[in-house]
Amino acid sequence: ERDFVGTRLAVDGVGIVVNADNPVRELPADAWRDLFAGVKRDWPGYGGPNANVTLLERPEGSAARGMLHGLLHIQQVRADAEVMEGDGRMVARVAGDVGTIGYGSIAMIEAAIRQGAGVRLLPLERVQAGMTTVTDGSYPLRVVLSLATARTPKTPTRDLMTYVRSGTGLSLLRAHGYTPTT
């Protein structure tokens, strides 16, 4: 660890996403835990549609999964949860079914919403999910995206770091919905 250094590049958050036609406006942490564990399997008890909850889960070892499970103290995941890799696939799956719920990168979900995806982000701990609340620090599932490099990087790594911090690199981060930290 002493031979490496982390360079902060941008911030993002992990957001809970539902179909735009789902009337649920917020889920408390205990409800989210019940959905994960399979204690509750339908929406009406939460003010949602008359439909079963289809739960989308992230792969084991993913940062989003670790963060969400940690914050909400999720201990158990129901056996029929669909493991979904990639925010694009997850958003498409949620957009196609009013009963589906998932989670992923707020930057990517907001980008999909701007492009017309029929989904929306739910608040978490009474804070609306969005890059505005991620950037101002009020959203509880905030992620700092970093690049780990050798303390004394070689020329290609130095060139990459210079590029990422350049106007072009920062513009690319912004174009993908991230808020640069540099």
Protein backbone atom coordinates (compact mmCIF):
# COMPACT_ATOMS: atom_id res chain seq x y z
CA GLU A 1 0.00 0.00 0.00
CA ARG A 2 2.83 2.43 0.70
CA ASP A 3 3.99 2.14 -2.91
CA PHE A 4 0.62 3.21 -4.32
CA VAL A 5 -1.36 6.42 -4.29
CA GLY A 6 -5.02 7.05 -5.09
CA THR A 7 -5.99 10.00 -7.24
CA ARG A 8 -9.59 11.13 -6.91
CA LEU A 9 -11.23 11.58 -10.29
CA ALA A 10 -14.97 11.94 -9.82
CA VAL A 11 -17.95 11.15 -7.59
CA ASP A 12 -20.98 8.96 -8.21
CA GLY A 13 -23.64 7.36 -6.05
CA VAL A 14 -25.57 4.11 -5.80
CA GLY A 15 -29.27 4.67 -6.39
CA ILE A 16 -32.41 2.55 -6.11
CA VAL A 17 -34.41 2.59 -9.33
CA VAL A 18 -38.01 1.67 -10.12
CA ASN A 19 -40.20 1.80 -13.20
CA ALA A 20 -41.51 5.33 -13.86
CA ASP A 21 -45.11 4.05 -13.59
CA ASN A 22 -44.58 2.52 -10.15
CA PRO A 23 -46.39 4.82 -7.67
CA VAL A 24 -44.00 4.04 -4.78
CA ARG A 25 -42.20 7.26 -3.84
CA GLU A 26 -39.87 6.01 -1.10
CA LEU A 27 -38.94 2.80 0.69
CA PRO A 28 -37.62 2.85 4.24
CA ALA A 29 -34.53 0.74 4.96
CA ASP A 30 -36.55 -1.99 6.70
CA ALA A 31 -38.77 -2.38 3.62
CA TRP A 32 -35.73 -2.72 1.38
CA ARG A 33 -34.31 -5.40 3.72
CA ASP A 34 -37.68 -7.24 3.65
CA LEU A 35 -37.72 -7.17 -0.15
CA PHE A 36 -34.17 -8.52 -0.32
CA ALA A 37 -34.86 -11.30 2.17
CA GLY A 38 -38.14 -12.28 0.52
CA VAL A 39 -40.22 -11.44 3.61
CA LYS A 40 -42.35 -9.23 1.33
CA ARG A 41 -42.74 -10.11 -2.34
CA ASP A 42 -45.41 -7.72 -3.60
CA TRP A 43 -45.89 -3.99 -3.96
CA PRO A 44 -49.36 -3.21 -2.53
CA GLY A 45 -48.09 -3.12 1.08
CA TYR A 46 -45.77 -0.27 0.05
CA GLY A 47 -48.36 1.68 -1.93
CA GLY A 48 -47.19 0.19 -5.20
CA PRO A 49 -48.89 -1.55 -8.10
CA ASN A 50 -50.81 -4.80 -7.77
CA ALA A 51 -47.75 -6.77 -8.82
CA ASN A 52 -45.03 -8.99 -7.45
CA VAL A 53 -41.66 -7.42 -6.78
CA THR A 54 -38.96 -8.57 -9.17
CA LEU A 55 -35.68 -7.89 -7.40
CA LEU A 56 -32.56 -7.17 -9.40
CA GLU A 57 -29.30 -7.79 -7.55
CA ARG A 58 -25.73 -6.90 -8.48
CA PRO A 59 -23.01 -9.56 -8.71
CA GLU A 60 -21.14 -10.59 -5.57
CA GLY A 61 -18.04 -8.48 -5.13
CA SER A 62 -19.46 -5.42 -6.90
CA ALA A 63 -18.89 -2.10 -5.17
CA ALA A 64 -22.54 -1.11 -5.53
CA ARG A 65 -23.69 -4.31 -3.83
CA GLY A 66 -21.24 -3.91 -0.97
CA MET A 67 -22.22 -0.30 -0.36
CA LEU A 68 -26.00 -0.83 -0.49
CA HIS A 69 -25.91 -3.98 1.63
CA GLY A 70 -23.68 -2.25 4.17
CA LEU A 71 -25.77 0.91 4.49
CA LEU A 72 -29.09 -0.93 4.70
CA HIS A 73 -27.71 -3.85 6.79
CA ILE A 74 -28.86 -6.43 4.26
CA GLN A 75 -27.93 -9.89 5.54
CA GLN A 76 -29.91 -12.14 3.24
CA VAL A 77 -30.89 -12.08 -0.45
CA ARG A 78 -33.83 -14.09 -1.66
CA ALA A 79 -32.95 -17.00 -3.95
CA ASP A 80 -35.00 -15.74 -6.90
CA ALA A 81 -33.29 -12.33 -7.15
CA GLU A 82 -32.05 -11.79 -10.70
CA VAL A 83 -28.33 -11.02 -10.76
CA MET A 84 -27.83 -8.23 -13.26
CA GLU A 85 -24.49 -6.97 -14.53
CA GLY A 86 -24.27 -3.52 -16.03
CA ASP A 87 -26.36 -0.45 -15.36
CA GLY A 88 -27.72 -0.34 -18.92
CA ARG A 89 -29.15 -3.85 -18.73
CA MET A 90 -30.56 -3.17 -15.27
CA VAL A 91 -32.26 0.07 -16.37
CA ALA A 92 -33.75 -1.64 -19.43
CA ARG A 93 -35.10 -4.47 -17.26
CA VAL A 94 -36.66 -2.05 -14.74
CA ALA A 95 -38.14 0.11 -17.53
CA GLY A 96 -39.84 -2.94 -19.00
CA ASP A 97 -41.72 -4.05 -15.88
CA VAL A 98 -43.61 -1.93 -13.33
CA GLY A 99 -42.88 -4.48 -10.60
CA THR A 100 -39.10 -4.54 -10.98
CA ILE A 101 -36.65 -2.77 -8.67
CA GLY A 102 -32.89 -2.52 -8.92
CA TYR A 103 -29.93 -0.34 -8.09
CA GLY A 104 -26.82 1.02 -9.71
CA SER A 105 -24.76 4.05 -10.69
CA ILE A 106 -26.72 7.27 -10.25
CA ALA A 107 -24.71 8.92 -13.03
CA MET A 108 -25.60 6.13 -15.45
CA ILE A 109 -29.26 5.96 -14.37
CA GLU A 110 -29.68 9.73 -14.73
CA ALA A 111 -28.09 9.55 -18.19
CA ALA A 112 -30.60 6.84 -19.16
CA ILE A 113 -33.48 8.96 -17.83
CA ARG A 114 -32.30 11.93 -19.91
CA GLN A 115 -32.37 9.62 -22.94
CA GLY A 116 -35.98 8.65 -22.21
CA ALA A 117 -35.71 5.49 -20.11
CA GLY A 118 -38.96 4.89 -18.22
CA VAL A 119 -37.39 4.72 -14.76
CA ARG A 120 -36.88 6.96 -11.76
CA LEU A 121 -34.64 7.04 -8.72
CA LEU A 122 -36.07 6.65 -5.22
CA PRO A 123 -34.89 8.70 -2.25
CA LEU A 124 -32.69 6.93 0.28
CA GLU A 125 -32.92 7.90 3.94
CA ARG A 126 -35.22 10.74 2.85
CA VAL A 127 -32.62 12.24 0.50
CA GLN A 128 -33.48 12.30 -3.20
CA ALA A 129 -31.01 10.30 -5.27
CA GLY A 130 -29.27 12.38 -7.91
CA MET A 131 -25.92 13.77 -8.89
CA THR A 132 -26.82 17.07 -7.20
CA THR A 133 -27.18 15.40 -3.78
CA VAL A 134 -24.19 13.13 -4.48
CA THR A 135 -22.04 16.16 -5.28
CA ASP A 136 -23.17 18.21 -2.27
CA GLY A 137 -22.51 15.22 0.03
CA SER A 138 -26.06 14.85 1.39
CA TYR A 139 -26.80 11.54 -0.37
CA PRO A 140 -25.76 8.58 1.84
CA LEU A 141 -24.37 6.24 -0.86
CA ARG A 142 -21.64 8.39 -2.36
CA VAL A 143 -18.69 6.84 -4.19
CA VAL A 144 -15.39 8.52 -4.97
CA LEU A 145 -13.96 7.11 -8.19
CA SER A 146 -10.19 6.91 -7.92
CA LEU A 147 -7.28 5.75 -10.00
CA ALA A 148 -4.63 3.81 -8.07
CA THR A 149 -1.11 4.25 -9.38
CA ALA A 150 2.42 3.63 -8.26
CA ARG A 151 3.68 6.42 -6.05
CA THR A 152 6.28 7.17 -8.73
CA PRO A 153 4.42 6.32 -11.95
CA LYS A 154 6.07 5.46 -15.24
CA THR A 155 5.62 7.72 -18.27
CA PRO A 156 2.46 6.08 -19.72
CA THR A 157 0.72 6.36 -16.35
CA ARG A 158 1.82 9.99 -15.94
CA ASP A 159 0.50 10.70 -19.44
CA LEU A 160 -2.85 9.10 -18.55
CA MET A 161 -3.10 11.15 -15.35
CA THR A 162 -2.30 14.33 -17.27
CA TYR A 163 -4.99 13.47 -19.83
CA VAL A 164 -7.64 12.66 -17.21
CA ARG A 165 -7.00 15.99 -15.48
CA SER A 166 -7.01 17.93 -18.77
CA GLY A 167 -10.02 19.81 -20.08
CA THR A 168 -10.76 16.94 -22.47
CA GLY A 169 -10.56 14.30 -19.73
CA LEU A 170 -12.75 16.32 -17.37
CA SER A 171 -15.25 16.88 -20.19
CA LEU A 172 -15.44 13.12 -20.77
CA LEU A 173 -16.16 12.51 -17.09
CA ARG A 174 -18.92 15.14 -17.19
CA ALA A 175 -20.32 13.73 -20.47
CA HIS A 176 -20.81 10.39 -18.71
CA GLY A 177 -22.63 12.05 -15.82
CA TYR A 178 -19.84 12.06 -13.25
CA THR A 179 -18.81 15.10 -11.24
CA PRO A 180 -15.03 15.53 -11.45
CA THR A 181 -13.23 16.12 -8.16
CA THR A 182 -10.14 17.70 -9.73
